[in-house]
Amino acid sequence: MAIPTYDLFIEPVLRFLATRSDGATTSEVYEAAAVAMQLTAEERAELLPSQSQQVYKNRIGWAHDRLKRAGLSSSARRGVWCLTEAGHLFAANHPAPFSPEQLTELATGYMDVRLKDAGTSASETAWMQTTNASELETASPEERLGVAVKEMRESVAADLLETLSKVSPTYFETIVLDLLHKMGYGANRSDLQRVGGSGDGGIDGVISLDKLGLEKVYVQAKRWQSSVGRPEIQGFYGALAGQRASKGVFITTSAYTAQAVEFAKSVEKIVLVDGIKLAELMIDHEVGVSSRIVRIPKFDSDYFEE
């Protein structure tokens, strides 16, 4: 018997989480779903082609991804999944088993609920959001691979932002400085100092761009739920003026209002990084993220020319 596809794990995951008001660890969910689907020891041991994870755990993870996109579940904290209020209500109003139509809706009906990749063109985004399962079956391997990679990036970006919203302000500031160092700022990690705290004057970190510290970049890193407005950016600008600084980076997990963006452009010394861009940078520079290389063969016709 083949291991069930990820869509068939959606209901077991939902039903189990519905019994745990405070959520459950991923290991508990893996076990409960495996038992519900009656997986054998051999099926549990089967690995992905990359050998990086067991197949059934990978599929359970994607099942939970679909529940999150539907607004029915969330990652309450690291390694813990929990149904939202809407999720508990959905489980109560939809007795088991799900109809094929309900399962299809959960598996594919919320595919457009995603973080938009700033590097994705409008045409690519439209193609990804309008391409259904049948069209993907006839798409070229390159197109299917592209869609898969983008979907994985978006899922990781969502996990990053969800996790960043739960870390302490102090640790968030450290993460931001780690990222900036990975991006090439500062010759050594010690060139990036966290200075946030009471009386920080609106400055959370300082980057020395040269060994003598003659040129510096000042950083403010804030975990916000609502959009950051012009007053906050003006306050940061004032803090830079107090330091006689010429460069500043304001990083947030949320977004900026149009007025905040307009003000930052007008002073030409502040760079704004919102939550989506932050997640993309963390993925690109592998901060809190790991990646693997996939070798894709391509026929070399030149080799066979005599």
Protein backbone atom coordinates (compact mmCIF):
# COMPACT_ATOMS: atom_id res chain seq x y z
CA MET A 1 0.00 0.00 0.00
CA ALA A 2 1.36 3.42 -0.99
CA ILE A 3 1.71 6.21 1.55
CA PRO A 4 -1.36 8.48 1.27
CA THR A 5 -0.91 11.77 -0.57
CA TYR A 6 -0.72 14.93 1.55
CA ASP A 7 -4.37 15.86 0.96
CA LEU A 8 -5.51 12.65 2.66
CA PHE A 9 -3.61 13.65 5.80
CA ILE A 10 -5.55 16.92 6.13
CA GLU A 11 -8.53 15.42 7.95
CA PRO A 12 -6.54 13.26 10.42
CA VAL A 13 -4.42 16.30 11.33
CA LEU A 14 -7.49 18.51 11.77
CA ARG A 15 -9.40 15.92 13.83
CA PHE A 16 -6.48 15.29 16.16
CA LEU A 17 -5.78 18.99 16.72
CA ALA A 18 -9.49 19.49 17.44
CA THR A 19 -9.02 17.29 20.52
CA ARG A 20 -6.13 19.40 21.81
CA SER A 21 -7.31 22.85 22.82
CA ASP A 22 -3.77 23.94 23.70
CA GLY A 23 -2.25 22.47 20.57
CA ALA A 24 0.07 19.51 20.06
CA THR A 25 3.71 19.00 19.25
CA THR A 26 4.59 18.04 15.70
CA SER A 27 5.79 14.63 16.88
CA GLU A 28 2.39 14.01 18.49
CA VAL A 29 0.62 15.02 15.28
CA TYR A 30 2.89 12.80 13.18
CA GLU A 31 2.13 9.82 15.39
CA ALA A 32 -1.63 10.44 15.55
CA ALA A 33 -1.94 10.89 11.78
CA ALA A 34 0.21 7.82 11.09
CA VAL A 35 -1.99 5.73 13.37
CA ALA A 36 -5.17 7.14 11.82
CA MET A 37 -3.92 6.24 8.33
CA GLN A 38 -2.68 2.83 9.55
CA LEU A 39 0.83 3.28 8.23
CA THR A 40 3.12 0.27 8.50
CA ALA A 41 6.63 0.40 9.93
CA GLU A 42 8.02 0.19 6.40
CA GLU A 43 5.86 3.11 5.24
CA ARG A 44 6.94 5.20 8.23
CA ALA A 45 10.59 4.52 7.43
CA GLU A 46 10.36 5.50 3.75
CA LEU A 47 12.47 8.58 2.98
CA LEU A 48 12.17 11.33 0.39
CA PRO A 49 14.50 11.00 -2.63
CA SER A 50 16.72 13.61 -0.96
CA GLN A 51 16.95 11.35 2.14
CA SER A 52 16.24 14.47 4.23
CA GLN A 53 12.93 13.44 5.84
CA GLN A 54 10.44 10.62 6.11
CA VAL A 55 7.82 10.84 3.37
CA TYR A 56 4.81 10.64 5.67
CA LYS A 57 6.11 13.47 7.90
CA ASN A 58 6.73 15.64 4.85
CA ARG A 59 3.18 15.05 3.63
CA ILE A 60 1.71 15.73 7.06
CA GLY A 61 3.63 19.02 7.08
CA TRP A 62 2.08 20.02 3.75
CA ALA A 63 -1.35 18.99 5.05
CA HIS A 64 -0.87 21.41 7.94
CA ASP A 65 0.30 24.06 5.48
CA ARG A 66 -3.07 23.81 3.74
CA LEU A 67 -4.91 24.14 7.05
CA LYS A 68 -2.88 27.26 7.83
CA ARG A 69 -3.65 28.77 4.43
CA ALA A 70 -7.34 28.15 5.10
CA GLY A 71 -7.03 30.01 8.41
CA LEU A 72 -7.89 26.88 10.40
CA SER A 73 -4.57 26.27 12.14
CA SER A 74 -1.35 27.98 13.15
CA SER A 75 2.02 27.30 14.72
CA ALA A 76 1.27 28.34 18.29
CA ARG A 77 4.99 28.25 19.08
CA ARG A 78 8.03 26.46 17.79
CA GLY A 79 7.20 22.80 17.19
CA VAL A 80 3.57 23.18 18.27
CA TRP A 81 0.50 23.21 16.03
CA CYS A 82 -2.87 24.50 17.20
CA LEU A 83 -6.26 25.02 15.60
CA THR A 84 -7.53 28.56 15.43
CA GLU A 85 -11.00 29.47 16.70
CA ALA A 86 -12.19 29.14 13.10
CA GLY A 87 -10.54 25.72 12.92
CA HIS A 88 -12.35 24.39 15.98
CA LEU A 89 -15.62 25.76 14.62
CA PHE A 90 -14.97 24.17 11.22
CA ALA A 91 -14.25 20.78 12.79
CA ALA A 92 -17.44 20.95 14.84
CA ASN A 93 -19.59 21.95 11.87
CA HIS A 94 -18.12 19.37 9.47
CA PRO A 95 -18.46 15.87 10.91
CA ALA A 96 -16.23 13.08 9.68
CA PRO A 97 -15.57 12.01 7.08
CA PHE A 98 -15.05 14.95 4.77
CA SER A 99 -16.74 14.67 1.41
CA PRO A 100 -14.44 14.59 -1.63
CA GLU A 101 -15.54 18.14 -2.43
CA GLN A 102 -14.67 19.40 1.08
CA LEU A 103 -11.28 17.72 0.96
CA THR A 104 -10.51 19.17 -2.46
CA GLU A 105 -11.50 22.63 -1.25
CA LEU A 106 -9.10 22.40 1.70
CA ALA A 107 -6.29 20.96 -0.40
CA THR A 108 -6.50 23.36 -3.35
CA GLY A 109 -9.02 26.09 -2.56
CA TYR A 110 -6.61 28.36 -0.70
CA MET A 111 -3.55 28.11 -2.90
CA ASP A 112 -3.68 31.85 -3.60
CA VAL A 113 -3.35 32.62 0.12
CA ARG A 114 0.38 33.21 0.03
CA LEU A 115 3.14 35.70 0.56
CA LYS A 116 3.89 37.36 -2.75
CA ASP A 117 7.52 37.03 -3.76
CA ALA A 118 8.88 40.46 -4.55
CA GLY A 119 10.97 38.85 -7.28
CA THR A 120 7.92 37.34 -8.95
CA SER A 121 6.56 39.22 -11.92
CA ALA A 122 2.87 40.00 -12.22
CA SER A 123 2.52 37.52 -15.07
CA GLU A 124 4.23 34.75 -13.08
CA THR A 125 2.02 35.45 -10.06
CA ALA A 126 -1.12 35.36 -12.22
CA TRP A 127 -0.02 32.09 -13.84
CA MET A 128 0.68 30.47 -10.47
CA GLN A 129 -2.67 31.53 -9.02
CA THR A 130 -4.78 30.50 -12.02
CA THR A 131 -3.03 27.22 -12.81
CA ASN A 132 -5.13 24.34 -11.50
CA ALA A 133 -4.13 20.72 -10.91
CA SER A 134 -5.11 19.54 -14.40
CA GLU A 135 -3.09 22.32 -16.04
CA LEU A 136 -0.08 21.45 -13.92
CA GLU A 137 -0.26 17.89 -15.19
CA THR A 138 0.32 19.15 -18.73
CA ALA A 139 2.83 21.86 -17.81
CA SER A 140 6.49 21.33 -18.66
CA PRO A 141 8.77 19.88 -15.98
CA GLU A 142 10.49 23.27 -15.70
CA GLU A 143 7.14 24.97 -15.06
CA ARG A 144 6.14 22.40 -12.43
CA LEU A 145 9.53 22.72 -10.76
CA GLY A 146 9.24 26.49 -10.72
CA VAL A 147 5.81 26.34 -9.09
CA ALA A 148 7.05 23.84 -6.50
CA VAL A 149 10.07 25.96 -5.56
CA LYS A 150 7.96 29.12 -5.23
CA GLU A 151 5.40 27.28 -3.09
CA MET A 152 8.15 26.00 -0.78
CA ARG A 153 9.66 29.49 -0.49
CA GLU A 154 6.29 30.97 0.41
CA SER A 155 5.63 28.27 2.99
CA VAL A 156 9.05 28.83 4.60
CA ALA A 157 8.52 32.63 4.50
CA ALA A 158 5.19 32.25 6.30
CA ASP A 159 6.80 30.00 8.93
CA LEU A 160 9.60 32.53 9.42
CA LEU A 161 7.24 35.45 9.96
CA GLU A 162 5.06 33.41 12.30
CA THR A 163 8.13 32.42 14.33
CA LEU A 164 9.60 35.93 14.34
CA SER A 165 6.35 37.27 15.77
CA LYS A 166 6.86 35.04 18.83
CA VAL A 167 10.55 35.55 19.64
CA SER A 168 11.58 38.11 22.25
CA PRO A 169 12.37 41.66 21.10
CA THR A 170 15.99 41.16 22.16
CA TYR A 171 16.39 37.97 20.14
CA PHE A 172 14.67 39.57 17.14
CA GLU A 173 17.27 42.34 17.19
CA THR A 174 20.03 39.69 17.27
CA ILE A 175 18.46 37.85 14.31
CA VAL A 176 18.35 41.07 12.30
CA LEU A 177 22.04 41.74 12.97
CA ASP A 178 22.91 38.14 12.05
CA LEU A 179 21.08 38.67 8.76
CA LEU A 180 22.83 41.95 8.00
CA HIS A 181 26.19 40.31 8.66
CA LYS A 182 25.30 37.43 6.29
CA MET A 183 24.45 40.10 3.71
CA GLY A 184 27.99 41.45 3.93
CA TYR A 185 27.71 44.28 6.44
CA GLY A 186 30.69 44.38 8.78
CA ALA A 187 33.93 42.49 8.29
CA ASN A 188 33.24 40.41 11.42
CA ARG A 189 30.11 39.63 13.40
CA SER A 190 31.60 41.69 16.25
CA ASP A 191 31.29 44.74 13.98
CA LEU A 192 27.51 44.52 14.48
CA GLN A 193 26.47 45.45 18.00
CA ARG A 194 23.03 45.27 19.57
CA VAL A 195 22.34 48.38 21.65
CA GLY A 196 18.55 48.13 22.07
CA GLY A 197 16.97 48.60 25.47
CA SER A 198 15.62 51.31 27.68
CA GLY A 199 17.15 54.62 26.76
CA ASP A 200 18.38 53.34 23.39
CA GLY A 201 17.22 56.54 21.71
CA GLY A 202 15.43 54.62 18.98
CA ILE A 203 18.55 52.68 17.95
CA ASP A 204 18.61 48.88 18.29
CA GLY A 205 21.89 48.08 16.55
CA VAL A 206 25.02 49.66 15.13
CA ILE A 207 27.10 48.34 12.24
CA SER A 208 30.70 49.47 11.82
CA LEU A 209 31.52 49.42 8.11
CA ASP A 210 35.23 49.97 8.65
CA LYS A 211 37.74 48.76 11.24
CA LEU A 212 38.01 52.15 12.95
CA GLY A 213 34.24 52.60 13.17
CA LEU A 214 34.37 55.86 11.23
CA GLU A 215 31.40 54.85 9.04
CA LYS A 216 28.38 53.35 10.72
CA VAL A 217 24.89 52.16 9.86
CA TYR A 218 22.24 52.38 12.57
CA VAL A 219 19.46 49.82 12.80
CA GLN A 220 16.01 49.75 14.30
CA ALA A 221 14.29 46.35 14.43
CA LYS A 222 10.67 46.12 15.57
CA ARG A 223 8.17 43.27 15.74
CA TRP A 224 4.89 44.96 14.84
CA GLN A 225 1.46 43.57 14.06
CA SER A 226 0.02 46.76 12.55
CA SER A 227 1.66 48.82 9.82
CA VAL A 228 4.50 51.13 10.78
CA GLY A 229 3.51 54.74 10.17
CA ARG A 230 5.28 57.99 9.38
CA PRO A 231 5.66 59.06 13.06
CA GLU A 232 7.82 55.99 13.80
CA ILE A 233 10.05 56.64 10.80
CA GLN A 234 10.33 60.31 11.73
CA GLY A 235 11.34 59.24 15.24
CA PHE A 236 14.05 56.99 13.79
CA TYR A 237 15.22 59.86 11.59
CA GLY A 238 15.50 62.02 14.68
CA ALA A 239 17.53 59.32 16.44
CA LEU A 240 19.90 59.20 13.45
CA ALA A 241 20.28 62.97 13.59
CA GLY A 242 21.13 62.69 17.29
CA GLN A 243 23.94 60.30 16.37
CA ARG A 244 25.00 62.47 13.42
CA ALA A 245 24.47 59.36 11.32
CA SER A 246 24.03 59.32 7.56
CA LYS A 247 22.65 55.80 7.14
CA GLY A 248 19.84 53.87 8.81
CA VAL A 249 17.90 50.66 8.28
CA PHE A 250 14.41 50.19 9.74
CA ILE A 251 13.28 46.55 9.77
CA THR A 252 9.85 45.31 10.81
CA THR A 253 7.86 42.08 10.65
CA SER A 254 4.79 43.96 9.41
CA ALA A 255 4.43 46.59 6.67
CA TYR A 256 4.75 50.35 6.18
CA THR A 257 2.09 52.90 5.42
CA ALA A 258 2.36 54.89 2.21
CA GLN A 259 3.16 57.99 4.27
CA ALA A 260 6.06 56.20 6.00
CA VAL A 261 7.49 55.07 2.66
CA GLU A 262 7.13 58.58 1.23
CA PHE A 263 8.95 60.13 4.17
CA ALA A 264 11.81 57.60 4.01
CA LYS A 265 12.29 58.38 0.31
CA SER A 266 12.28 62.12 0.97
CA VAL A 267 15.20 62.00 3.43
CA GLU A 268 17.28 59.59 1.30
CA LYS A 269 19.11 58.11 4.28
CA ILE A 270 16.70 55.46 5.56
CA VAL A 271 16.10 52.03 4.03
CA LEU A 272 12.85 50.28 4.95
CA VAL A 273 12.56 46.47 5.08
CA ASP A 274 9.08 45.03 5.65
CA GLY A 275 8.12 41.54 6.80
CA ILE A 276 7.88 40.00 3.34
CA LYS A 277 11.28 41.36 2.30
CA LEU A 278 12.77 40.29 5.64
CA ALA A 279 11.60 36.70 5.13
CA GLU A 280 12.94 36.67 1.56
CA LEU A 281 16.34 37.94 2.73
CA MET A 282 16.49 35.32 5.49
CA ILE A 283 15.76 32.59 2.92
CA ASP A 284 18.28 33.93 0.38
CA HIS A 285 21.04 34.26 2.98
CA GLU A 286 20.07 31.14 4.96
CA VAL A 287 19.44 32.74 8.34
CA GLY A 288 17.18 30.36 10.26
CA VAL A 289 16.82 28.44 7.00
CA SER A 290 18.72 25.56 5.44
CA SER A 291 18.66 24.55 1.79
CA ARG A 292 19.80 21.66 -0.35
CA ILE A 293 21.13 21.40 -3.88
CA VAL A 294 19.06 19.44 -6.39
CA ARG A 295 20.97 18.17 -9.43
CA ILE A 296 18.82 18.50 -12.56
CA PRO A 297 20.17 16.63 -15.61
CA LYS A 298 20.18 18.32 -19.01
CA PHE A 299 21.07 16.55 -22.23
CA ASP A 300 24.29 17.87 -23.76
CA SER A 301 23.96 17.45 -27.52
CA ASP A 302 27.32 19.14 -28.17
CA TYR A 303 29.11 16.25 -26.52
CA PHE A 304 27.93 13.85 -29.23
CA GLU A 305 29.02 15.94 -32.19
CA GLU A 306 31.77 14.11 -34.09
